[in-house]
Amino acid sequence: MTRARTARTTRATATPVAAVFGGGQGGAPNAEAGNGGSNAGSPGVGGTSAGAGGASTAGASGNGFGGAPTGDQIDDFEDLDEFILRLSMRNGPWYVFSDGTATGTLGKLTIATLTGSDVRPGSTSTAALHLTATGFIDWGAGVGADMVNQMGKKAPYDVSAYRGIRFYAKVASGTSTTVKVLLPNIYSDVDGGKCTDAEAAKHCGDHLFTSVSGLKTTWQVYEVKFADFAQQGFGLKQATFDPSGVYSVQFTLANKTTPIDIWFDDVSFIPK
């Protein structure tokens, strides 16, 4: 995966954490290969964003906020809105983003009711996130979610209680079948204040990531472990993974030779 060009980003405006849970001020994330995006939550090296969500299967306990369960679940899309579930102090928006190719076409953030062949067999799920894109010839396009939004800016989130991410996905026939899962954080995101494109060895946007290949045209569940995440190597080096400084979770797909047409559902953290 090469560094991307200037990112394009579109996303929803999240309710400030202070208004939901009280407290705090924040930073901002990056998208797949680069810097950029809005304060509500942005993509990494060269992306364009706009938003949607996922869900989990882990047991939950109370977190003191309206009796809601603690969450391993990031989003299940059942509420059809553009924000992750308000569990475990998370409240950020979803967004889509791209590498900024002038001739590319990025579908809007779509969280839609599942009908016909898109229904998940044997599941009670009624909605999912749908991403489409064509014509992006650098690293492609993707979708992401900021974990926390504080007073209009994304803020670091601690994922040390988890060991990875689980999600359901399916792709259309003849489209990209490899997805990269990225973790923009305080070291790779410009808002963290540690990376800078002014120095060759400290470029921003070199997010920790891992790839999932062989996506199917039918719904399948996938898991990625944080222990398997690594950097591309073009930016500020992260000696070890700092679980306390994660801004976002992002999914990107290459778009050089095939279009992007993918559904995501039930995105969740995997507890330790």
C-alpha atoms as a PDB file:
ATOM      1  CA  MET A   1       0.000   0.000   0.000  1.00  0.00           C
ATOM      2  CA  THR A   2       1.554   3.282  -1.063  1.00  0.00           C
ATOM      3  CA  ARG A   3       1.069   6.699   0.468  1.00  0.00           C
ATOM      4  CA  ALA A   4      -2.059   8.364  -0.758  1.00  0.00           C
ATOM      5  CA  ARG A   5      -2.678  11.792  -2.109  1.00  0.00           C
ATOM      6  CA  THR A   6      -4.592  14.562  -0.438  1.00  0.00           C
ATOM      7  CA  ALA A   7      -7.622  13.104   1.267  1.00  0.00           C
ATOM      8  CA  ARG A   8     -11.237  14.012   0.657  1.00  0.00           C
ATOM      9  CA  THR A   9     -13.556  13.599   3.629  1.00  0.00           C
ATOM     10  CA  THR A  10     -17.246  13.951   4.392  1.00  0.00           C
ATOM     11  CA  ARG A  11     -18.764  13.126   7.735  1.00  0.00           C
ATOM     12  CA  ALA A  12     -21.578  13.812  10.134  1.00  0.00           C
ATOM     13  CA  THR A  13     -21.295  16.225  13.054  1.00  0.00           C
ATOM     14  CA  ALA A  14     -21.245  14.253  16.289  1.00  0.00           C
ATOM     15  CA  THR A  15     -22.873  15.222  19.567  1.00  0.00           C
ATOM     16  CA  PRO A  16     -20.024  16.447  21.819  1.00  0.00           C
ATOM     17  CA  VAL A  17     -18.916  13.923  24.422  1.00  0.00           C
ATOM     18  CA  ALA A  18     -19.239  16.617  27.051  1.00  0.00           C
ATOM     19  CA  ALA A  19     -22.940  16.817  26.261  1.00  0.00           C
ATOM     20  CA  VAL A  20     -23.361  13.054  26.350  1.00  0.00           C
ATOM     21  CA  PHE A  21     -21.038  11.840  29.080  1.00  0.00           C
ATOM     22  CA  GLY A  22     -19.413  15.019  30.390  1.00  0.00           C
ATOM     23  CA  GLY A  23     -15.818  16.248  30.198  1.00  0.00           C
ATOM     24  CA  GLY A  24     -12.933  16.364  27.799  1.00  0.00           C
ATOM     25  CA  GLN A  25     -11.322  17.901  24.780  1.00  0.00           C
ATOM     26  CA  GLY A  26      -9.814  16.046  21.881  1.00  0.00           C
ATOM     27  CA  GLY A  27      -7.642  15.382  18.882  1.00  0.00           C
ATOM     28  CA  ALA A  28      -8.447  14.045  15.389  1.00  0.00           C
ATOM     29  CA  PRO A  29      -7.869  10.875  13.286  1.00  0.00           C
ATOM     30  CA  ASN A  30      -6.451  10.106   9.869  1.00  0.00           C
ATOM     31  CA  ALA A  31      -7.573   7.930   7.035  1.00  0.00           C
ATOM     32  CA  GLU A  32      -6.024   5.115   5.068  1.00  0.00           C
ATOM     33  CA  ALA A  33      -2.924   6.508   3.497  1.00  0.00           C
ATOM     34  CA  GLY A  34      -2.538  10.012   4.742  1.00  0.00           C
ATOM     35  CA  ASN A  35      -3.679  13.079   6.607  1.00  0.00           C
ATOM     36  CA  GLY A  36      -6.753  15.172   6.196  1.00  0.00           C
ATOM     37  CA  GLY A  37     -10.435  15.209   6.994  1.00  0.00           C
ATOM     38  CA  SER A  38     -12.598  17.213   9.335  1.00  0.00           C
ATOM     39  CA  ASN A  39     -12.380  17.687  13.079  1.00  0.00           C
ATOM     40  CA  ALA A  40     -15.443  15.493  13.460  1.00  0.00           C
ATOM     41  CA  GLY A  41     -13.139  12.632  12.448  1.00  0.00           C
ATOM     42  CA  SER A  42     -10.801  12.480   9.489  1.00  0.00           C
ATOM     43  CA  PRO A  43      -9.153   9.949   7.185  1.00  0.00           C
ATOM     44  CA  GLY A  44      -5.490   9.055   6.806  1.00  0.00           C
ATOM     45  CA  VAL A  45      -3.008   9.670   4.030  1.00  0.00           C
ATOM     46  CA  GLY A  46      -5.084  11.172   1.329  1.00  0.00           C
ATOM     47  CA  GLY A  47      -8.720  10.284   1.870  1.00  0.00           C
ATOM     48  CA  THR A  48     -12.192  11.672   1.531  1.00  0.00           C
ATOM     49  CA  SER A  49     -14.778  10.823   4.127  1.00  0.00           C
ATOM     50  CA  ALA A  50     -18.468  10.594   4.888  1.00  0.00           C
ATOM     51  CA  GLY A  51     -19.902   7.914   7.484  1.00  0.00           C
ATOM     52  CA  ALA A  52     -21.624   4.653   8.841  1.00  0.00           C
ATOM     53  CA  GLY A  53     -21.282   1.629  11.450  1.00  0.00           C
ATOM     54  CA  GLY A  54     -21.015  -2.168  12.815  1.00  0.00           C
ATOM     55  CA  ALA A  55     -21.751  -4.662  15.844  1.00  0.00           C
ATOM     56  CA  SER A  56     -20.399  -7.315  18.344  1.00  0.00           C
ATOM     57  CA  THR A  57     -21.178 -10.593  20.026  1.00  0.00           C
ATOM     58  CA  ALA A  58     -19.457 -10.216  23.382  1.00  0.00           C
ATOM     59  CA  GLY A  59     -21.218 -10.169  26.721  1.00  0.00           C
ATOM     60  CA  ALA A  60     -21.909  -6.709  28.140  1.00  0.00           C
ATOM     61  CA  SER A  61     -22.304  -5.090  31.523  1.00  0.00           C
ATOM     62  CA  GLY A  62     -23.585  -1.743  32.700  1.00  0.00           C
ATOM     63  CA  ASN A  63     -21.530   1.373  32.132  1.00  0.00           C
ATOM     64  CA  GLY A  64     -23.567   3.814  34.164  1.00  0.00           C
ATOM     65  CA  PHE A  65     -24.995   5.673  31.158  1.00  0.00           C
ATOM     66  CA  GLY A  66     -28.747   5.207  31.000  1.00  0.00           C
ATOM     67  CA  GLY A  67     -28.391   1.522  31.813  1.00  0.00           C
ATOM     68  CA  ALA A  68     -26.766   0.846  28.423  1.00  0.00           C
ATOM     69  CA  PRO A  69     -24.470  -2.198  28.221  1.00  0.00           C
ATOM     70  CA  THR A  70     -20.747  -1.777  28.159  1.00  0.00           C
ATOM     71  CA  GLY A  71     -19.646  -2.370  24.854  1.00  0.00           C
ATOM     72  CA  ASP A  72     -17.720  -4.539  22.777  1.00  0.00           C
ATOM     73  CA  GLN A  73     -20.137  -3.580  20.028  1.00  0.00           C
ATOM     74  CA  ILE A  74     -19.027  -0.615  17.900  1.00  0.00           C
ATOM     75  CA  ASP A  75     -22.145  -0.429  15.736  1.00  0.00           C
ATOM     76  CA  ASP A  76     -24.900  -2.679  14.393  1.00  0.00           C
ATOM     77  CA  PHE A  77     -26.494  -0.080  12.071  1.00  0.00           C
ATOM     78  CA  GLU A  78     -29.958  -0.978  13.280  1.00  0.00           C
ATOM     79  CA  ASP A  79     -30.723   2.660  14.154  1.00  0.00           C
ATOM     80  CA  LEU A  80     -29.820   3.731  10.580  1.00  0.00           C
ATOM     81  CA  ASP A  81     -27.898   6.781  11.810  1.00  0.00           C
ATOM     82  CA  GLU A  82     -24.325   7.870  11.007  1.00  0.00           C
ATOM     83  CA  PHE A  83     -22.861   7.446  14.480  1.00  0.00           C
ATOM     84  CA  ILE A  84     -21.462   4.481  16.348  1.00  0.00           C
ATOM     85  CA  LEU A  85     -23.346   3.145  19.349  1.00  0.00           C
ATOM     86  CA  ARG A  86     -22.987   5.169  22.550  1.00  0.00           C
ATOM     87  CA  LEU A  87     -21.342   2.419  24.562  1.00  0.00           C
ATOM     88  CA  SER A  88     -18.215   2.524  26.744  1.00  0.00           C
ATOM     89  CA  MET A  89     -17.785   6.287  26.254  1.00  0.00           C
ATOM     90  CA  ARG A  90     -17.818   6.045  22.445  1.00  0.00           C
ATOM     91  CA  ASN A  91     -19.921   8.463  20.383  1.00  0.00           C
ATOM     92  CA  GLY A  92     -18.086   9.278  17.130  1.00  0.00           C
ATOM     93  CA  PRO A  93     -19.328   9.598  13.534  1.00  0.00           C
ATOM     94  CA  TRP A  94     -18.802   7.348  10.535  1.00  0.00           C
ATOM     95  CA  TYR A  95     -17.447   8.745   7.258  1.00  0.00           C
ATOM     96  CA  VAL A  96     -16.226   7.674   3.813  1.00  0.00           C
ATOM     97  CA  PHE A  97     -12.968   8.826   2.239  1.00  0.00           C
ATOM     98  CA  SER A  98     -10.815   8.339  -0.862  1.00  0.00           C
ATOM     99  CA  ASP A  99      -7.344   8.981  -2.282  1.00  0.00           C
ATOM    100  CA  GLY A 100      -8.600  12.137  -3.994  1.00  0.00           C
ATOM    101  CA  THR A 101      -8.285  11.024  -7.622  1.00  0.00           C
ATOM    102  CA  ALA A 102     -10.021  13.802  -9.589  1.00  0.00           C
ATOM    103  CA  THR A 103     -11.893  11.360 -11.839  1.00  0.00           C
ATOM    104  CA  GLY A 104     -12.975   9.062  -8.995  1.00  0.00           C
ATOM    105  CA  THR A 105     -16.562   8.672  -7.843  1.00  0.00           C
ATOM    106  CA  LEU A 106     -17.162   8.020  -4.148  1.00  0.00           C
ATOM    107  CA  GLY A 107     -20.601   6.854  -3.078  1.00  0.00           C
ATOM    108  CA  LYS A 108     -22.169   8.728  -0.192  1.00  0.00           C
ATOM    109  CA  LEU A 109     -22.184   7.223   3.259  1.00  0.00           C
ATOM    110  CA  THR A 110     -25.054   4.746   3.109  1.00  0.00           C
ATOM    111  CA  ILE A 111     -26.583   2.855   6.007  1.00  0.00           C
ATOM    112  CA  ALA A 112     -29.474   0.964   4.506  1.00  0.00           C
ATOM    113  CA  THR A 113     -32.157  -1.552   5.327  1.00  0.00           C
ATOM    114  CA  LEU A 114     -31.236  -5.044   4.132  1.00  0.00           C
ATOM    115  CA  THR A 115     -33.587  -6.455   1.515  1.00  0.00           C
ATOM    116  CA  GLY A 116     -33.580  -9.280  -1.031  1.00  0.00           C
ATOM    117  CA  SER A 117     -30.198 -10.939  -1.603  1.00  0.00           C
ATOM    118  CA  ASP A 118     -28.490  -8.545   0.838  1.00  0.00           C
ATOM    119  CA  VAL A 119     -30.273 -10.035   3.856  1.00  0.00           C
ATOM    120  CA  ARG A 120     -27.964 -12.011   6.184  1.00  0.00           C
ATOM    121  CA  PRO A 121     -29.275 -15.598   6.346  1.00  0.00           C
ATOM    122  CA  GLY A 122     -30.000 -16.779   9.890  1.00  0.00           C
ATOM    123  CA  SER A 123     -29.502 -13.293  11.350  1.00  0.00           C
ATOM    124  CA  THR A 124     -31.919 -10.799  12.880  1.00  0.00           C
ATOM    125  CA  SER A 125     -29.921  -7.906  11.425  1.00  0.00           C
ATOM    126  CA  THR A 126     -32.074  -5.501   9.426  1.00  0.00           C
ATOM    127  CA  ALA A 127     -29.516  -2.896   8.293  1.00  0.00           C
ATOM    128  CA  ALA A 128     -25.852  -2.509   7.299  1.00  0.00           C
ATOM    129  CA  LEU A 129     -23.340  -0.041   5.888  1.00  0.00           C
ATOM    130  CA  HIS A 130     -22.831   0.010   2.114  1.00  0.00           C
ATOM    131  CA  LEU A 131     -19.742   1.504   0.427  1.00  0.00           C
ATOM    132  CA  THR A 132     -19.259   1.999  -3.329  1.00  0.00           C
ATOM    133  CA  ALA A 133     -16.463   3.711  -5.278  1.00  0.00           C
ATOM    134  CA  THR A 134     -14.921   3.717  -8.758  1.00  0.00           C
ATOM    135  CA  GLY A 135     -12.011   5.390 -10.501  1.00  0.00           C
ATOM    136  CA  PHE A 136      -9.599   5.903  -7.595  1.00  0.00           C
ATOM    137  CA  ILE A 137      -6.178   4.966  -8.958  1.00  0.00           C
ATOM    138  CA  ASP A 138      -3.872   5.552  -5.971  1.00  0.00           C
ATOM    139  CA  TRP A 139      -4.708   3.517  -2.850  1.00  0.00           C
ATOM    140  CA  GLY A 140      -8.489   3.557  -3.296  1.00  0.00           C
ATOM    141  CA  ALA A 141     -11.304   4.469  -0.924  1.00  0.00           C
ATOM    142  CA  GLY A 142     -12.727   3.481   2.418  1.00  0.00           C
ATOM    143  CA  VAL A 143     -14.994   4.028   5.381  1.00  0.00           C
ATOM    144  CA  GLY A 144     -14.111   4.782   8.982  1.00  0.00           C
ATOM    145  CA  ALA A 145     -15.466   5.742  12.378  1.00  0.00           C
ATOM    146  CA  ASP A 146     -14.003   7.942  15.085  1.00  0.00           C
ATOM    147  CA  MET A 147     -14.272   6.390  18.522  1.00  0.00           C
ATOM    148  CA  VAL A 148     -14.804   9.629  20.472  1.00  0.00           C
ATOM    149  CA  ASN A 149     -15.904  13.127  19.544  1.00  0.00           C
ATOM    150  CA  GLN A 150     -15.344  15.846  22.133  1.00  0.00           C
ATOM    151  CA  MET A 151     -16.668  19.314  21.422  1.00  0.00           C
ATOM    152  CA  GLY A 152     -16.425  18.832  17.672  1.00  0.00           C
ATOM    153  CA  LYS A 153     -13.010  17.126  17.590  1.00  0.00           C
ATOM    154  CA  LYS A 154     -11.982  13.491  17.666  1.00  0.00           C
ATOM    155  CA  ALA A 155     -10.125  12.339  20.768  1.00  0.00           C
ATOM    156  CA  PRO A 156      -7.904   9.327  21.624  1.00  0.00           C
ATOM    157  CA  TYR A 157      -9.645   6.196  22.868  1.00  0.00           C
ATOM    158  CA  ASP A 158      -8.209   3.342  24.954  1.00  0.00           C
ATOM    159  CA  VAL A 159      -8.692  -0.100  23.364  1.00  0.00           C
ATOM    160  CA  SER A 160      -6.528  -1.989  25.866  1.00  0.00           C
ATOM    161  CA  ALA A 161      -9.541  -4.046  26.994  1.00  0.00           C
ATOM    162  CA  TYR A 162      -9.713  -5.596  23.519  1.00  0.00           C
ATOM    163  CA  ARG A 163      -7.524  -7.823  21.382  1.00  0.00           C
ATOM    164  CA  GLY A 164      -8.980  -7.155  17.947  1.00  0.00           C
ATOM    165  CA  ILE A 165     -11.956  -6.350  15.745  1.00  0.00           C
ATOM    166  CA  ARG A 166     -14.717  -8.564  14.373  1.00  0.00           C
ATOM    167  CA  PHE A 167     -17.006  -7.655  11.477  1.00  0.00           C
ATOM    168  CA  TYR A 168     -19.345  -9.133   8.880  1.00  0.00           C
ATOM    169  CA  ALA A 169     -18.830  -8.253   5.235  1.00  0.00           C
ATOM    170  CA  LYS A 170     -19.779  -9.193   1.691  1.00  0.00           C
ATOM    171  CA  VAL A 171     -18.831  -7.797  -1.718  1.00  0.00           C
ATOM    172  CA  ALA A 172     -20.530  -7.631  -5.100  1.00  0.00           C
ATOM    173  CA  SER A 173     -19.284  -9.928  -7.864  1.00  0.00           C
ATOM    174  CA  GLY A 174     -16.340  -8.508  -9.821  1.00  0.00           C
ATOM    175  CA  THR A 175     -15.332  -5.972  -7.144  1.00  0.00           C
ATOM    176  CA  SER A 176     -12.384  -5.593  -4.757  1.00  0.00           C
ATOM    177  CA  THR A 177     -12.032  -8.580  -2.417  1.00  0.00           C
ATOM    178  CA  THR A 178      -9.267  -7.400  -0.059  1.00  0.00           C
ATOM    179  CA  VAL A 179      -9.946  -4.949   2.734  1.00  0.00           C
ATOM    180  CA  LYS A 180      -7.361  -3.238   4.934  1.00  0.00           C
ATOM    181  CA  VAL A 181      -8.304  -2.533   8.543  1.00  0.00           C
ATOM    182  CA  LEU A 182      -6.476   0.514   9.969  1.00  0.00           C
ATOM    183  CA  LEU A 183      -6.055   2.113  13.381  1.00  0.00           C
ATOM    184  CA  PRO A 184      -5.244   5.845  13.081  1.00  0.00           C
ATOM    185  CA  ASN A 185      -3.695   6.909  16.389  1.00  0.00           C
ATOM    186  CA  ILE A 186      -1.793   9.667  18.155  1.00  0.00           C
ATOM    187  CA  TYR A 187       1.437   8.652  16.383  1.00  0.00           C
ATOM    188  CA  SER A 188       0.128   8.412  12.820  1.00  0.00           C
ATOM    189  CA  ASP A 189      -2.562  11.099  12.848  1.00  0.00           C
ATOM    190  CA  VAL A 190      -1.549  14.724  12.449  1.00  0.00           C
ATOM    191  CA  ASP A 191      -3.822  15.729  15.334  1.00  0.00           C
ATOM    192  CA  GLY A 192      -1.732  13.614  17.701  1.00  0.00           C
ATOM    193  CA  GLY A 193       1.067  16.167  17.415  1.00  0.00           C
ATOM    194  CA  LYS A 194       3.810  13.533  17.114  1.00  0.00           C
ATOM    195  CA  CYS A 195       4.065  13.049  13.331  1.00  0.00           C
ATOM    196  CA  THR A 196       4.787  15.768  10.772  1.00  0.00           C
ATOM    197  CA  ASP A 197       5.151  15.795   6.995  1.00  0.00           C
ATOM    198  CA  ALA A 198       7.869  18.430   7.402  1.00  0.00           C
ATOM    199  CA  GLU A 199      10.369  15.659   8.285  1.00  0.00           C
ATOM    200  CA  ALA A 200      10.943  12.627   6.057  1.00  0.00           C
ATOM    201  CA  ALA A 201      11.175  10.169   8.934  1.00  0.00           C
ATOM    202  CA  LYS A 202       8.080  11.503  10.680  1.00  0.00           C
ATOM    203  CA  HIS A 203       5.419  11.549   7.963  1.00  0.00           C
ATOM    204  CA  CYS A 204       1.812  11.263   9.118  1.00  0.00           C
ATOM    205  CA  GLY A 205      -0.634   8.702   7.799  1.00  0.00           C
ATOM    206  CA  ASP A 206       1.459   5.566   8.356  1.00  0.00           C
ATOM    207  CA  HIS A 207      -1.312   3.896  10.333  1.00  0.00           C
ATOM    208  CA  LEU A 208      -1.118   0.446  11.853  1.00  0.00           C
ATOM    209  CA  PHE A 209      -3.042  -1.937   9.596  1.00  0.00           C
ATOM    210  CA  THR A 210      -3.690  -5.521   8.614  1.00  0.00           C
ATOM    211  CA  SER A 211      -5.377  -7.005   5.530  1.00  0.00           C
ATOM    212  CA  VAL A 212      -8.222  -9.467   5.037  1.00  0.00           C
ATOM    213  CA  SER A 213      -8.238 -11.135   1.615  1.00  0.00           C
ATOM    214  CA  GLY A 214     -10.739 -13.292  -0.227  1.00  0.00           C
ATOM    215  CA  LEU A 215     -13.946 -11.503   0.737  1.00  0.00           C
ATOM    216  CA  LYS A 216     -16.994 -13.415  -0.514  1.00  0.00           C
ATOM    217  CA  THR A 217     -20.177 -12.408  -2.290  1.00  0.00           C
ATOM    218  CA  THR A 218     -22.079 -13.897   0.657  1.00  0.00           C
ATOM    219  CA  TRP A 219     -21.996 -12.654   4.237  1.00  0.00           C
ATOM    220  CA  GLN A 220     -19.025 -13.950   6.239  1.00  0.00           C
ATOM    221  CA  VAL A 221     -17.599 -13.001   9.636  1.00  0.00           C
ATOM    222  CA  TYR A 222     -13.959 -11.865   9.875  1.00  0.00           C
ATOM    223  CA  GLU A 223     -11.631 -11.204  12.797  1.00  0.00           C
ATOM    224  CA  VAL A 224      -8.361  -9.264  12.942  1.00  0.00           C
ATOM    225  CA  LYS A 225      -5.998  -9.208  15.925  1.00  0.00           C
ATOM    226  CA  PHE A 226      -4.235  -6.052  17.059  1.00  0.00           C
ATOM    227  CA  ALA A 227      -1.087  -8.173  17.445  1.00  0.00           C
ATOM    228  CA  ASP A 228      -1.041  -8.616  13.645  1.00  0.00           C
ATOM    229  CA  PHE A 229      -1.199  -4.892  12.812  1.00  0.00           C
ATOM    230  CA  ALA A 230       1.915  -3.258  11.311  1.00  0.00           C
ATOM    231  CA  GLN A 231       2.927  -0.053   9.530  1.00  0.00           C
ATOM    232  CA  GLN A 232       3.749   0.438   5.863  1.00  0.00           C
ATOM    233  CA  GLY A 233       7.057   2.022   6.875  1.00  0.00           C
ATOM    234  CA  PHE A 234       6.949   5.444   5.207  1.00  0.00           C
ATOM    235  CA  GLY A 235       6.158   7.511   8.292  1.00  0.00           C
ATOM    236  CA  LEU A 236       6.841   8.037  11.983  1.00  0.00           C
ATOM    237  CA  LYS A 237       7.799   4.648  13.379  1.00  0.00           C
ATOM    238  CA  GLN A 238       5.770   3.246  16.242  1.00  0.00           C
ATOM    239  CA  ALA A 239       8.021   1.117  18.437  1.00  0.00           C
ATOM    240  CA  THR A 240       5.014  -0.672  19.927  1.00  0.00           C
ATOM    241  CA  PHE A 241       1.253  -0.443  19.668  1.00  0.00           C
ATOM    242  CA  ASP A 242      -0.091   2.090  22.187  1.00  0.00           C
ATOM    243  CA  PRO A 243      -3.684   0.947  22.852  1.00  0.00           C
ATOM    244  CA  SER A 244      -4.500   4.125  24.797  1.00  0.00           C
ATOM    245  CA  GLY A 245      -4.204   6.445  21.791  1.00  0.00           C
ATOM    246  CA  VAL A 246      -6.508   5.099  19.056  1.00  0.00           C
ATOM    247  CA  TYR A 247      -8.591   7.685  17.217  1.00  0.00           C
ATOM    248  CA  SER A 248     -10.490   5.601  14.671  1.00  0.00           C
ATOM    249  CA  VAL A 249     -11.167   2.290  12.992  1.00  0.00           C
ATOM    250  CA  GLN A 250     -11.039   2.386   9.187  1.00  0.00           C
ATOM    251  CA  PHE A 251     -11.606  -0.028   6.310  1.00  0.00           C
ATOM    252  CA  THR A 252     -10.057   0.647   2.887  1.00  0.00           C
ATOM    253  CA  LEU A 253     -10.094  -1.161  -0.454  1.00  0.00           C
ATOM    254  CA  ALA A 254      -7.936  -0.775  -3.571  1.00  0.00           C
ATOM    255  CA  ASN A 255      -9.742   0.557  -6.621  1.00  0.00           C
ATOM    256  CA  LYS A 256      -7.136   0.566  -9.426  1.00  0.00           C
ATOM    257  CA  THR A 257      -8.562  -2.231 -11.584  1.00  0.00           C
ATOM    258  CA  THR A 258     -11.866  -3.163  -9.964  1.00  0.00           C
ATOM    259  CA  PRO A 259     -14.681  -1.106  -8.420  1.00  0.00           C
ATOM    260  CA  ILE A 260     -15.541  -1.123  -4.721  1.00  0.00           C
ATOM    261  CA  ASP A 261     -18.936  -2.463  -3.659  1.00  0.00           C
ATOM    262  CA  ILE A 262     -18.965  -3.776  -0.109  1.00  0.00           C
ATOM    263  CA  TRP A 263     -21.368  -4.176   2.791  1.00  0.00           C
ATOM    264  CA  PHE A 264     -20.304  -4.103   6.469  1.00  0.00           C
ATOM    265  CA  ASP A 265     -22.377  -5.193   9.443  1.00  0.00           C
ATOM    266  CA  ASP A 266     -22.018  -5.923  13.152  1.00  0.00           C
ATOM    267  CA  VAL A 267     -18.589  -4.351  13.701  1.00  0.00           C
ATOM    268  CA  SER A 268     -17.289  -4.977  17.209  1.00  0.00           C
ATOM    269  CA  PHE A 269     -14.238  -5.108  19.434  1.00  0.00           C
ATOM    270  CA  ILE A 270     -13.099  -8.547  20.553  1.00  0.00           C
ATOM    271  CA  PRO A 271     -12.580  -8.530  24.341  1.00  0.00           C
ATOM    272  CA  LYS A 272      -9.465 -10.047  25.871  1.00  0.00           C
END
